[in-house]
Amino acid sequence: MSNINKQLTKDATRAGICAEWHKRMAETTDFGEFMNMYYKGIDFCIKNKFPTLEYIRKNLKGKTESYGGFIDEEMRVESLKYSVARGTTRGTAVYKNFDVCRIFLFEDSEVEVHVSGNAFVMVDLYDNAKVSIIATDEGKATVMQHGGEVNIINDNGKIKILKK
């Protein structure tokens, strides 16, 4: 983690990270905490294309999956609070009961989202990513569409698409 940590802290500094987060990044030794920081600061990451997809592929692939980060692979998540699909990831995300979750789709990812019960999922869609949504029962989904393509397969629940 230390080489990754040093490089990411250096790159974040170049991208303009604030002093508080710079200090937190520099002191983080736990990869789970690093991933929590990624999700909490994802707006900064998106705005600054940080870290780059190339960096993620080279240095983080195989380390992020248990924290909901998928890079160029098959994903299957269920009731995971945060998840992200990068590169050419393909898969399924299932949310049910009273789940409240958020999923980010980038580049050329394609994910089918199932939302049921009283669950709520926020989907952030970028680049050429594609999402298909199946909503049943009282399940709700909101898509923040910054790019990509939305396919509504079943809207017995409530689906809202906000074009950004």
N, C-alpha and C. Protein backbone atom coordinates (compact mmCIF):
# COMPACT_ATOMS: atom_id res chain seq x y z
N MET A 1 0.82 -1.20 0.00
CA MET A 1 0.00 0.00 0.00
C MET A 1 0.87 1.26 0.00
N SER A 2 2.07 1.19 0.57
CA SER A 2 2.85 2.43 0.72
C SER A 2 3.26 3.05 -0.61
N ASN A 3 3.68 2.26 -1.60
CA ASN A 3 4.04 2.83 -2.91
C ASN A 3 2.81 3.41 -3.60
N ILE A 4 1.69 2.68 -3.53
CA ILE A 4 0.44 3.16 -4.11
C ILE A 4 0.02 4.44 -3.40
N ASN A 5 0.07 4.42 -2.08
CA ASN A 5 -0.31 5.57 -1.27
C ASN A 5 0.52 6.79 -1.63
N LYS A 6 1.83 6.63 -1.73
CA LYS A 6 2.71 7.75 -2.05
C LYS A 6 2.39 8.34 -3.42
N GLN A 7 2.21 7.46 -4.41
CA GLN A 7 1.94 7.94 -5.77
C GLN A 7 0.58 8.63 -5.85
N LEU A 8 -0.44 8.02 -5.23
CA LEU A 8 -1.77 8.62 -5.28
C LEU A 8 -1.81 9.96 -4.54
N THR A 9 -1.11 10.05 -3.42
CA THR A 9 -1.05 11.31 -2.68
C THR A 9 -0.38 12.39 -3.53
N LYS A 10 0.70 12.02 -4.20
CA LYS A 10 1.41 12.95 -5.08
C LYS A 10 0.50 13.40 -6.23
N ASP A 11 -0.19 12.44 -6.86
CA ASP A 11 -1.08 12.77 -7.97
C ASP A 11 -2.27 13.63 -7.50
N ALA A 12 -2.79 13.33 -6.31
CA ALA A 12 -3.91 14.11 -5.77
C ALA A 12 -3.48 15.54 -5.49
N THR A 13 -2.25 15.70 -5.02
CA THR A 13 -1.73 17.04 -4.76
C THR A 13 -1.68 17.84 -6.06
N ARG A 14 -1.21 17.21 -7.13
CA ARG A 14 -1.17 17.87 -8.45
C ARG A 14 -2.56 18.26 -8.92
N ALA A 15 -3.55 17.42 -8.55
CA ALA A 15 -4.94 17.68 -8.98
C ALA A 15 -5.62 18.73 -8.11
N GLY A 16 -4.98 19.13 -7.01
CA GLY A 16 -5.53 20.20 -6.19
C GLY A 16 -6.31 19.76 -4.97
N ILE A 17 -6.00 18.60 -4.43
CA ILE A 17 -6.70 18.13 -3.24
C ILE A 17 -6.45 19.09 -2.08
N CYS A 18 -7.44 19.24 -1.21
CA CYS A 18 -7.31 20.15 -0.07
C CYS A 18 -6.33 19.58 0.96
N ALA A 19 -5.83 20.44 1.84
CA ALA A 19 -4.82 20.06 2.82
C ALA A 19 -5.32 18.96 3.76
N GLU A 20 -6.57 19.05 4.19
CA GLU A 20 -7.13 18.04 5.10
C GLU A 20 -7.11 16.65 4.47
N TRP A 21 -7.59 16.55 3.22
CA TRP A 21 -7.63 15.25 2.55
C TRP A 21 -6.22 14.79 2.16
N HIS A 22 -5.34 15.72 1.84
CA HIS A 22 -3.96 15.36 1.54
C HIS A 22 -3.35 14.66 2.76
N LYS A 23 -3.55 15.23 3.93
CA LYS A 23 -3.02 14.66 5.17
C LYS A 23 -3.62 13.27 5.41
N ARG A 24 -4.94 13.15 5.24
CA ARG A 24 -5.60 11.85 5.43
C ARG A 24 -5.04 10.80 4.47
N MET A 25 -4.88 11.18 3.20
CA MET A 25 -4.34 10.24 2.22
C MET A 25 -2.93 9.81 2.59
N ALA A 26 -2.09 10.77 2.95
CA ALA A 26 -0.70 10.48 3.28
C ALA A 26 -0.58 9.55 4.48
N GLU A 27 -1.53 9.63 5.41
CA GLU A 27 -1.48 8.83 6.63
C GLU A 27 -2.23 7.50 6.52
N THR A 28 -2.98 7.31 5.46
CA THR A 28 -3.79 6.09 5.32
C THR A 28 -2.91 4.89 4.98
N THR A 29 -3.02 3.85 5.79
CA THR A 29 -2.27 2.61 5.54
C THR A 29 -3.22 1.45 5.26
N ASP A 30 -4.50 1.65 5.50
CA ASP A 30 -5.50 0.61 5.31
C ASP A 30 -6.21 0.80 3.97
N PHE A 31 -6.21 -0.22 3.13
CA PHE A 31 -6.81 -0.10 1.80
C PHE A 31 -8.31 0.14 1.88
N GLY A 32 -8.98 -0.44 2.87
CA GLY A 32 -10.42 -0.21 3.05
C GLY A 32 -10.71 1.25 3.33
N GLU A 33 -9.88 1.89 4.14
CA GLU A 33 -10.04 3.32 4.42
C GLU A 33 -9.79 4.14 3.16
N PHE A 34 -8.81 3.72 2.38
CA PHE A 34 -8.54 4.39 1.10
C PHE A 34 -9.78 4.34 0.20
N MET A 35 -10.42 3.17 0.12
CA MET A 35 -11.62 3.03 -0.71
C MET A 35 -12.77 3.88 -0.16
N ASN A 36 -12.90 3.95 1.17
CA ASN A 36 -13.93 4.82 1.76
C ASN A 36 -13.68 6.27 1.37
N MET A 37 -12.42 6.69 1.38
CA MET A 37 -12.08 8.05 0.96
C MET A 37 -12.44 8.26 -0.51
N TYR A 38 -12.21 7.25 -1.34
CA TYR A 38 -12.54 7.34 -2.76
C TYR A 38 -14.04 7.60 -2.94
N TYR A 39 -14.87 6.81 -2.25
CA TYR A 39 -16.31 6.99 -2.39
C TYR A 39 -16.78 8.33 -1.83
N LYS A 40 -16.25 8.73 -0.69
CA LYS A 40 -16.66 10.01 -0.09
C LYS A 40 -16.17 11.20 -0.91
N GLY A 41 -15.04 11.06 -1.57
CA GLY A 41 -14.48 12.15 -2.37
C GLY A 41 -14.61 11.92 -3.86
N ILE A 42 -15.59 11.14 -4.27
CA ILE A 42 -15.68 10.76 -5.68
C ILE A 42 -15.95 11.96 -6.59
N ASP A 43 -16.58 13.00 -6.08
CA ASP A 43 -16.78 14.19 -6.92
C ASP A 43 -15.44 14.78 -7.35
N PHE A 44 -14.49 14.86 -6.41
CA PHE A 44 -13.13 15.34 -6.73
C PHE A 44 -12.49 14.41 -7.76
N CYS A 45 -12.64 13.10 -7.55
CA CYS A 45 -12.03 12.11 -8.45
C CYS A 45 -12.60 12.24 -9.86
N ILE A 46 -13.90 12.41 -9.98
CA ILE A 46 -14.54 12.53 -11.29
C ILE A 46 -14.08 13.83 -11.97
N LYS A 47 -14.14 14.92 -11.24
CA LYS A 47 -13.78 16.22 -11.81
C LYS A 47 -12.34 16.25 -12.31
N ASN A 48 -11.44 15.57 -11.60
CA ASN A 48 -10.01 15.61 -11.92
C ASN A 48 -9.50 14.34 -12.61
N LYS A 49 -10.43 13.45 -12.98
CA LYS A 49 -10.05 12.17 -13.61
C LYS A 49 -8.93 11.51 -12.81
N PHE A 50 -9.19 11.40 -11.51
CA PHE A 50 -8.21 10.89 -10.55
C PHE A 50 -8.76 9.70 -9.79
N PRO A 51 -8.03 8.63 -9.67
CA PRO A 51 -6.86 8.31 -10.48
C PRO A 51 -7.28 7.93 -11.89
N THR A 52 -6.34 7.95 -12.80
CA THR A 52 -6.66 7.64 -14.19
C THR A 52 -7.01 6.16 -14.33
N LEU A 53 -7.78 5.84 -15.36
CA LEU A 53 -8.13 4.44 -15.62
C LEU A 53 -6.87 3.62 -15.83
N GLU A 54 -5.89 4.18 -16.52
CA GLU A 54 -4.64 3.44 -16.76
C GLU A 54 -3.94 3.11 -15.44
N TYR A 55 -3.91 4.08 -14.52
CA TYR A 55 -3.30 3.84 -13.22
C TYR A 55 -4.07 2.75 -12.46
N ILE A 56 -5.39 2.85 -12.49
CA ILE A 56 -6.22 1.86 -11.79
C ILE A 56 -5.96 0.47 -12.36
N ARG A 57 -5.95 0.35 -13.69
CA ARG A 57 -5.71 -0.95 -14.32
C ARG A 57 -4.36 -1.53 -13.91
N LYS A 58 -3.35 -0.69 -13.90
CA LYS A 58 -1.99 -1.15 -13.63
C LYS A 58 -1.75 -1.46 -12.15
N ASN A 59 -2.32 -0.68 -11.25
CA ASN A 59 -1.95 -0.76 -9.84
C ASN A 59 -3.04 -1.22 -8.87
N LEU A 60 -4.31 -1.13 -9.26
CA LEU A 60 -5.37 -1.43 -8.30
C LEU A 60 -6.25 -2.62 -8.66
N LYS A 61 -6.17 -3.08 -9.90
CA LYS A 61 -6.99 -4.23 -10.31
C LYS A 61 -6.66 -5.43 -9.42
N GLY A 62 -7.70 -6.07 -8.91
CA GLY A 62 -7.51 -7.20 -8.01
C GLY A 62 -7.49 -6.81 -6.54
N LYS A 63 -7.45 -5.51 -6.27
CA LYS A 63 -7.43 -5.04 -4.88
C LYS A 63 -8.74 -4.38 -4.46
N THR A 64 -9.54 -3.95 -5.42
CA THR A 64 -10.71 -3.12 -5.12
C THR A 64 -12.05 -3.87 -5.09
N GLU A 65 -12.08 -5.08 -5.61
CA GLU A 65 -13.35 -5.79 -5.78
C GLU A 65 -14.10 -6.00 -4.46
N SER A 66 -13.40 -6.37 -3.41
CA SER A 66 -14.09 -6.63 -2.14
C SER A 66 -14.64 -5.34 -1.52
N TYR A 67 -14.25 -4.20 -2.08
CA TYR A 67 -14.77 -2.91 -1.63
C TYR A 67 -15.74 -2.31 -2.65
N GLY A 68 -16.15 -3.11 -3.63
CA GLY A 68 -17.13 -2.65 -4.61
C GLY A 68 -16.56 -1.99 -5.84
N GLY A 69 -15.26 -2.05 -6.04
CA GLY A 69 -14.63 -1.45 -7.21
C GLY A 69 -14.29 -2.51 -8.25
N PHE A 70 -14.84 -2.41 -9.44
CA PHE A 70 -14.63 -3.41 -10.49
C PHE A 70 -14.01 -2.75 -11.71
N ILE A 71 -12.98 -3.40 -12.24
CA ILE A 71 -12.21 -2.86 -13.36
C ILE A 71 -12.09 -3.93 -14.45
N ASP A 72 -12.73 -3.71 -15.58
CA ASP A 72 -12.61 -4.62 -16.73
C ASP A 72 -12.94 -6.07 -16.38
N GLU A 73 -14.00 -6.30 -15.64
CA GLU A 73 -14.33 -7.67 -15.27
C GLU A 73 -15.82 -7.86 -15.03
N GLU A 74 -16.18 -9.07 -14.69
CA GLU A 74 -17.57 -9.40 -14.37
C GLU A 74 -17.83 -8.97 -12.93
N MET A 75 -18.95 -8.29 -12.72
CA MET A 75 -19.31 -7.89 -11.35
C MET A 75 -20.67 -8.44 -10.98
N ARG A 76 -20.82 -8.74 -9.73
CA ARG A 76 -22.13 -9.10 -9.17
C ARG A 76 -22.14 -8.55 -7.75
N VAL A 77 -22.96 -7.55 -7.51
CA VAL A 77 -23.07 -6.99 -6.17
C VAL A 77 -24.51 -7.09 -5.71
N GLU A 78 -24.67 -7.25 -4.42
CA GLU A 78 -25.99 -7.28 -3.82
C GLU A 78 -25.97 -6.48 -2.53
N SER A 79 -26.83 -5.47 -2.49
CA SER A 79 -27.01 -4.65 -1.29
C SER A 79 -25.73 -3.97 -0.83
N LEU A 80 -24.81 -3.70 -1.75
CA LEU A 80 -23.56 -3.03 -1.41
C LEU A 80 -23.80 -1.52 -1.43
N LYS A 81 -23.45 -0.83 -0.34
CA LYS A 81 -23.76 0.59 -0.21
C LYS A 81 -23.17 1.42 -1.35
N TYR A 82 -21.90 1.18 -1.69
CA TYR A 82 -21.25 1.88 -2.80
C TYR A 82 -20.59 0.86 -3.71
N SER A 83 -20.67 1.11 -5.01
CA SER A 83 -19.90 0.30 -5.96
C SER A 83 -19.61 1.15 -7.18
N VAL A 84 -18.57 0.73 -7.90
CA VAL A 84 -18.15 1.46 -9.09
C VAL A 84 -17.70 0.46 -10.14
N ALA A 85 -18.10 0.70 -11.39
CA ALA A 85 -17.70 -0.13 -12.52
C ALA A 85 -16.87 0.74 -13.46
N ARG A 86 -15.65 0.30 -13.74
CA ARG A 86 -14.73 1.06 -14.60
C ARG A 86 -14.33 0.20 -15.80
N GLY A 87 -13.89 0.88 -16.85
CA GLY A 87 -13.39 0.16 -18.02
C GLY A 87 -14.49 -0.57 -18.75
N THR A 88 -14.29 -1.88 -18.94
CA THR A 88 -15.23 -2.71 -19.68
C THR A 88 -15.98 -3.68 -18.77
N THR A 89 -16.20 -3.30 -17.54
CA THR A 89 -16.90 -4.15 -16.57
C THR A 89 -18.32 -4.46 -17.06
N ARG A 90 -18.75 -5.68 -16.84
CA ARG A 90 -20.10 -6.14 -17.16
C ARG A 90 -20.66 -6.81 -15.91
N GLY A 91 -21.98 -6.67 -15.68
CA GLY A 91 -22.51 -7.39 -14.54
C GLY A 91 -23.88 -6.97 -14.10
N THR A 92 -24.18 -7.35 -12.84
CA THR A 92 -25.48 -7.15 -12.24
C THR A 92 -25.33 -6.58 -10.84
N ALA A 93 -26.23 -5.68 -10.50
CA ALA A 93 -26.30 -5.12 -9.15
C ALA A 93 -27.73 -5.28 -8.66
N VAL A 94 -27.90 -5.87 -7.49
CA VAL A 94 -29.22 -6.17 -6.95
C VAL A 94 -29.41 -5.42 -5.63
N TYR A 95 -30.52 -4.71 -5.54
CA TYR A 95 -30.86 -3.96 -4.33
C TYR A 95 -32.29 -4.32 -3.95
N LYS A 96 -32.51 -4.63 -2.67
CA LYS A 96 -33.84 -5.09 -2.24
C LYS A 96 -34.12 -4.65 -0.81
N ASN A 97 -35.31 -5.02 -0.34
CA ASN A 97 -35.74 -4.68 1.02
C ASN A 97 -35.66 -3.18 1.24
N PHE A 98 -34.84 -2.74 2.19
CA PHE A 98 -34.72 -1.32 2.50
C PHE A 98 -33.32 -0.80 2.19
N ASP A 99 -32.65 -1.39 1.21
CA ASP A 99 -31.32 -0.94 0.81
C ASP A 99 -31.37 0.51 0.34
N VAL A 100 -30.32 1.26 0.65
CA VAL A 100 -30.11 2.60 0.09
C VAL A 100 -28.67 2.58 -0.40
N CYS A 101 -28.49 2.62 -1.72
CA CYS A 101 -27.17 2.38 -2.31
C CYS A 101 -26.90 3.33 -3.46
N ARG A 102 -25.61 3.37 -3.84
CA ARG A 102 -25.19 4.21 -4.96
C ARG A 102 -24.17 3.45 -5.80
N ILE A 103 -24.35 3.51 -7.12
CA ILE A 103 -23.44 2.83 -8.03
C ILE A 103 -23.00 3.83 -9.11
N PHE A 104 -21.70 3.80 -9.42
CA PHE A 104 -21.11 4.68 -10.43
C PHE A 104 -20.66 3.83 -11.61
N LEU A 105 -21.06 4.22 -12.81
CA LEU A 105 -20.68 3.48 -14.02
C LEU A 105 -19.91 4.42 -14.95
N PHE A 106 -18.71 3.97 -15.35
CA PHE A 106 -17.84 4.79 -16.19
C PHE A 106 -17.41 4.04 -17.44
N GLU A 107 -16.76 4.78 -18.35
CA GLU A 107 -16.16 4.28 -19.58
C GLU A 107 -17.16 3.43 -20.35
N ASP A 108 -16.85 2.16 -20.59
CA ASP A 108 -17.69 1.28 -21.40
C ASP A 108 -18.35 0.19 -20.59
N SER A 109 -18.57 0.44 -19.30
CA SER A 109 -19.21 -0.55 -18.43
C SER A 109 -20.67 -0.75 -18.81
N GLU A 110 -21.17 -1.95 -18.55
CA GLU A 110 -22.58 -2.27 -18.78
C GLU A 110 -23.08 -3.06 -17.59
N VAL A 111 -24.08 -2.51 -16.89
CA VAL A 111 -24.59 -3.14 -15.68
C VAL A 111 -26.11 -3.15 -15.70
N GLU A 112 -26.67 -4.29 -15.30
CA GLU A 112 -28.11 -4.42 -15.14
C GLU A 112 -28.41 -4.24 -13.65
N VAL A 113 -29.28 -3.29 -13.33
CA VAL A 113 -29.63 -2.98 -11.95
C VAL A 113 -31.04 -3.47 -11.66
N HIS A 114 -31.16 -4.27 -10.60
CA HIS A 114 -32.46 -4.76 -10.13
C HIS A 114 -32.76 -4.08 -8.80
N VAL A 115 -33.89 -3.41 -8.71
CA VAL A 115 -34.26 -2.75 -7.45
C VAL A 115 -35.69 -3.16 -7.11
N SER A 116 -35.87 -3.66 -5.87
CA SER A 116 -37.18 -4.17 -5.47
C SER A 116 -37.42 -3.88 -3.99
N GLY A 117 -38.59 -4.33 -3.52
CA GLY A 117 -38.96 -4.05 -2.14
C GLY A 117 -39.14 -2.56 -1.97
N ASN A 118 -38.51 -2.02 -0.96
CA ASN A 118 -38.54 -0.57 -0.73
C ASN A 118 -37.15 0.03 -0.92
N ALA A 119 -36.32 -0.64 -1.70
CA ALA A 119 -34.94 -0.20 -1.90
C ALA A 119 -34.89 1.07 -2.75
N PHE A 120 -33.79 1.81 -2.57
CA PHE A 120 -33.52 2.99 -3.40
C PHE A 120 -32.07 2.91 -3.86
N VAL A 121 -31.87 3.11 -5.15
CA VAL A 121 -30.51 3.14 -5.69
C VAL A 121 -30.33 4.39 -6.55
N MET A 122 -29.18 5.03 -6.36
CA MET A 122 -28.78 6.17 -7.18
C MET A 122 -27.72 5.65 -8.14
N VAL A 123 -27.95 5.84 -9.44
CA VAL A 123 -27.00 5.42 -10.46
C VAL A 123 -26.39 6.66 -11.09
N ASP A 124 -25.06 6.77 -11.05
CA ASP A 124 -24.36 7.87 -11.71
C ASP A 124 -23.73 7.30 -12.97
N LEU A 125 -24.15 7.80 -14.12
CA LEU A 125 -23.78 7.22 -15.41
C LEU A 125 -22.92 8.21 -16.20
N TYR A 126 -21.74 7.76 -16.64
CA TYR A 126 -20.78 8.60 -17.35
C TYR A 126 -20.30 7.94 -18.63
N ASP A 127 -19.66 8.74 -19.46
CA ASP A 127 -18.96 8.28 -20.65
C ASP A 127 -19.88 7.49 -21.57
N ASN A 128 -19.48 6.28 -21.96
CA ASN A 128 -20.28 5.42 -22.83
C ASN A 128 -20.92 4.27 -22.07
N ALA A 129 -20.95 4.37 -20.75
CA ALA A 129 -21.51 3.30 -19.93
C ALA A 129 -22.99 3.10 -20.21
N LYS A 130 -23.45 1.88 -19.96
CA LYS A 130 -24.86 1.54 -20.18
C LYS A 130 -25.43 0.90 -18.92
N VAL A 131 -26.66 1.31 -18.59
CA VAL A 131 -27.36 0.70 -17.46
C VAL A 131 -28.74 0.27 -17.93
N SER A 132 -29.13 -0.92 -17.52
CA SER A 132 -30.49 -1.41 -17.72
C SER A 132 -31.10 -1.54 -16.33
N ILE A 133 -32.33 -1.06 -16.17
CA ILE A 133 -32.94 -1.05 -14.84
C ILE A 133 -34.23 -1.84 -14.84
N ILE A 134 -34.34 -2.70 -13.84
CA ILE A 134 -35.57 -3.45 -13.58
C ILE A 134 -36.03 -3.04 -12.19
N ALA A 135 -37.16 -2.34 -12.10
CA ALA A 135 -37.70 -1.90 -10.82
C ALA A 135 -39.04 -2.57 -10.58
N THR A 136 -39.17 -3.20 -9.42
CA THR A 136 -40.42 -3.87 -9.06
C THR A 136 -40.82 -3.47 -7.64
N ASP A 137 -42.01 -3.87 -7.25
CA ASP A 137 -42.56 -3.53 -5.93
C ASP A 137 -42.53 -2.01 -5.77
N GLU A 138 -42.00 -1.54 -4.68
CA GLU A 138 -41.86 -0.11 -4.44
C GLU A 138 -40.42 0.36 -4.67
N GLY A 139 -39.63 -0.46 -5.36
CA GLY A 139 -38.24 -0.13 -5.61
C GLY A 139 -38.10 1.15 -6.41
N LYS A 140 -37.11 1.97 -6.04
CA LYS A 140 -36.91 3.26 -6.69
C LYS A 140 -35.47 3.38 -7.19
N ALA A 141 -35.32 3.98 -8.35
CA ALA A 141 -34.00 4.23 -8.91
C ALA A 141 -33.98 5.64 -9.50
N THR A 142 -32.91 6.35 -9.23
CA THR A 142 -32.68 7.64 -9.86
C THR A 142 -31.36 7.56 -10.61
N VAL A 143 -31.39 7.92 -11.88
CA VAL A 143 -30.19 7.89 -12.71
C VAL A 143 -29.76 9.32 -12.97
N MET A 144 -28.52 9.64 -12.57
CA MET A 144 -27.91 10.92 -12.89
C MET A 144 -27.11 10.67 -14.17
N GLN A 145 -27.69 11.03 -15.31
CA GLN A 145 -27.10 10.69 -16.60
C GLN A 145 -26.20 11.82 -17.11
N HIS A 146 -24.89 11.64 -16.90
CA HIS A 146 -23.89 12.58 -17.40
C HIS A 146 -23.41 12.16 -18.79
N GLY A 147 -23.79 10.97 -19.20
CA GLY A 147 -23.41 10.39 -20.48
C GLY A 147 -24.01 9.00 -20.51
N GLY A 148 -23.60 8.22 -21.47
CA GLY A 148 -24.04 6.84 -21.51
C GLY A 148 -25.49 6.65 -21.94
N GLU A 149 -25.99 5.46 -21.68
CA GLU A 149 -27.30 5.05 -22.18
C GLU A 149 -28.10 4.35 -21.08
N VAL A 150 -29.38 4.70 -20.98
CA VAL A 150 -30.28 4.10 -19.99
C VAL A 150 -31.33 3.28 -20.72
N ASN A 151 -31.53 2.05 -20.25
CA ASN A 151 -32.55 1.17 -20.79
C ASN A 151 -33.45 0.74 -19.63
N ILE A 152 -34.71 1.11 -19.68
CA ILE A 152 -35.65 0.70 -18.64
C ILE A 152 -36.35 -0.55 -19.11
N ILE A 153 -36.08 -1.65 -18.41
CA ILE A 153 -36.66 -2.94 -18.79
C ILE A 153 -38.04 -3.11 -18.16
N ASN A 154 -38.16 -2.73 -16.89
CA ASN A 154 -39.42 -2.87 -16.18
C ASN A 154 -39.52 -1.73 -15.18
N ASP A 155 -40.60 -0.98 -15.24
CA ASP A 155 -40.76 0.17 -14.36
C ASP A 155 -42.03 0.03 -13.52
N ASN A 156 -42.18 -1.12 -12.87
CA ASN A 156 -43.30 -1.27 -11.94
C ASN A 156 -43.02 -0.52 -10.65
N GLY A 157 -41.74 -0.23 -10.42
CA GLY A 157 -41.34 0.60 -9.28
C GLY A 157 -41.36 2.04 -9.76
N LYS A 158 -40.37 2.81 -9.32
CA LYS A 158 -40.31 4.21 -9.72
C LYS A 158 -38.88 4.52 -10.18
N ILE A 159 -38.76 4.93 -11.45
CA ILE A 159 -37.46 5.24 -12.02
C ILE A 159 -37.48 6.69 -12.51
N LYS A 160 -36.45 7.43 -12.11
CA LYS A 160 -36.32 8.83 -12.52
C LYS A 160 -34.97 8.98 -13.21
N ILE A 161 -34.98 9.65 -14.36
CA ILE A 161 -33.74 9.92 -15.09
C ILE A 161 -33.53 11.42 -15.13
N LEU A 162 -32.37 11.86 -14.60
CA LEU A 162 -32.03 13.28 -14.61
C LEU A 162 -30.82 13.46 -15.51
N LYS A 163 -31.02 14.14 -16.61
CA LYS A 163 -29.91 14.38 -17.56
C LYS A 163 -29.09 15.55 -17.06
N LYS A 164 -27.80 15.34 -16.94
CA LYS A 164 -26.90 16.38 -16.44
C LYS A 164 -26.08 16.98 -17.55
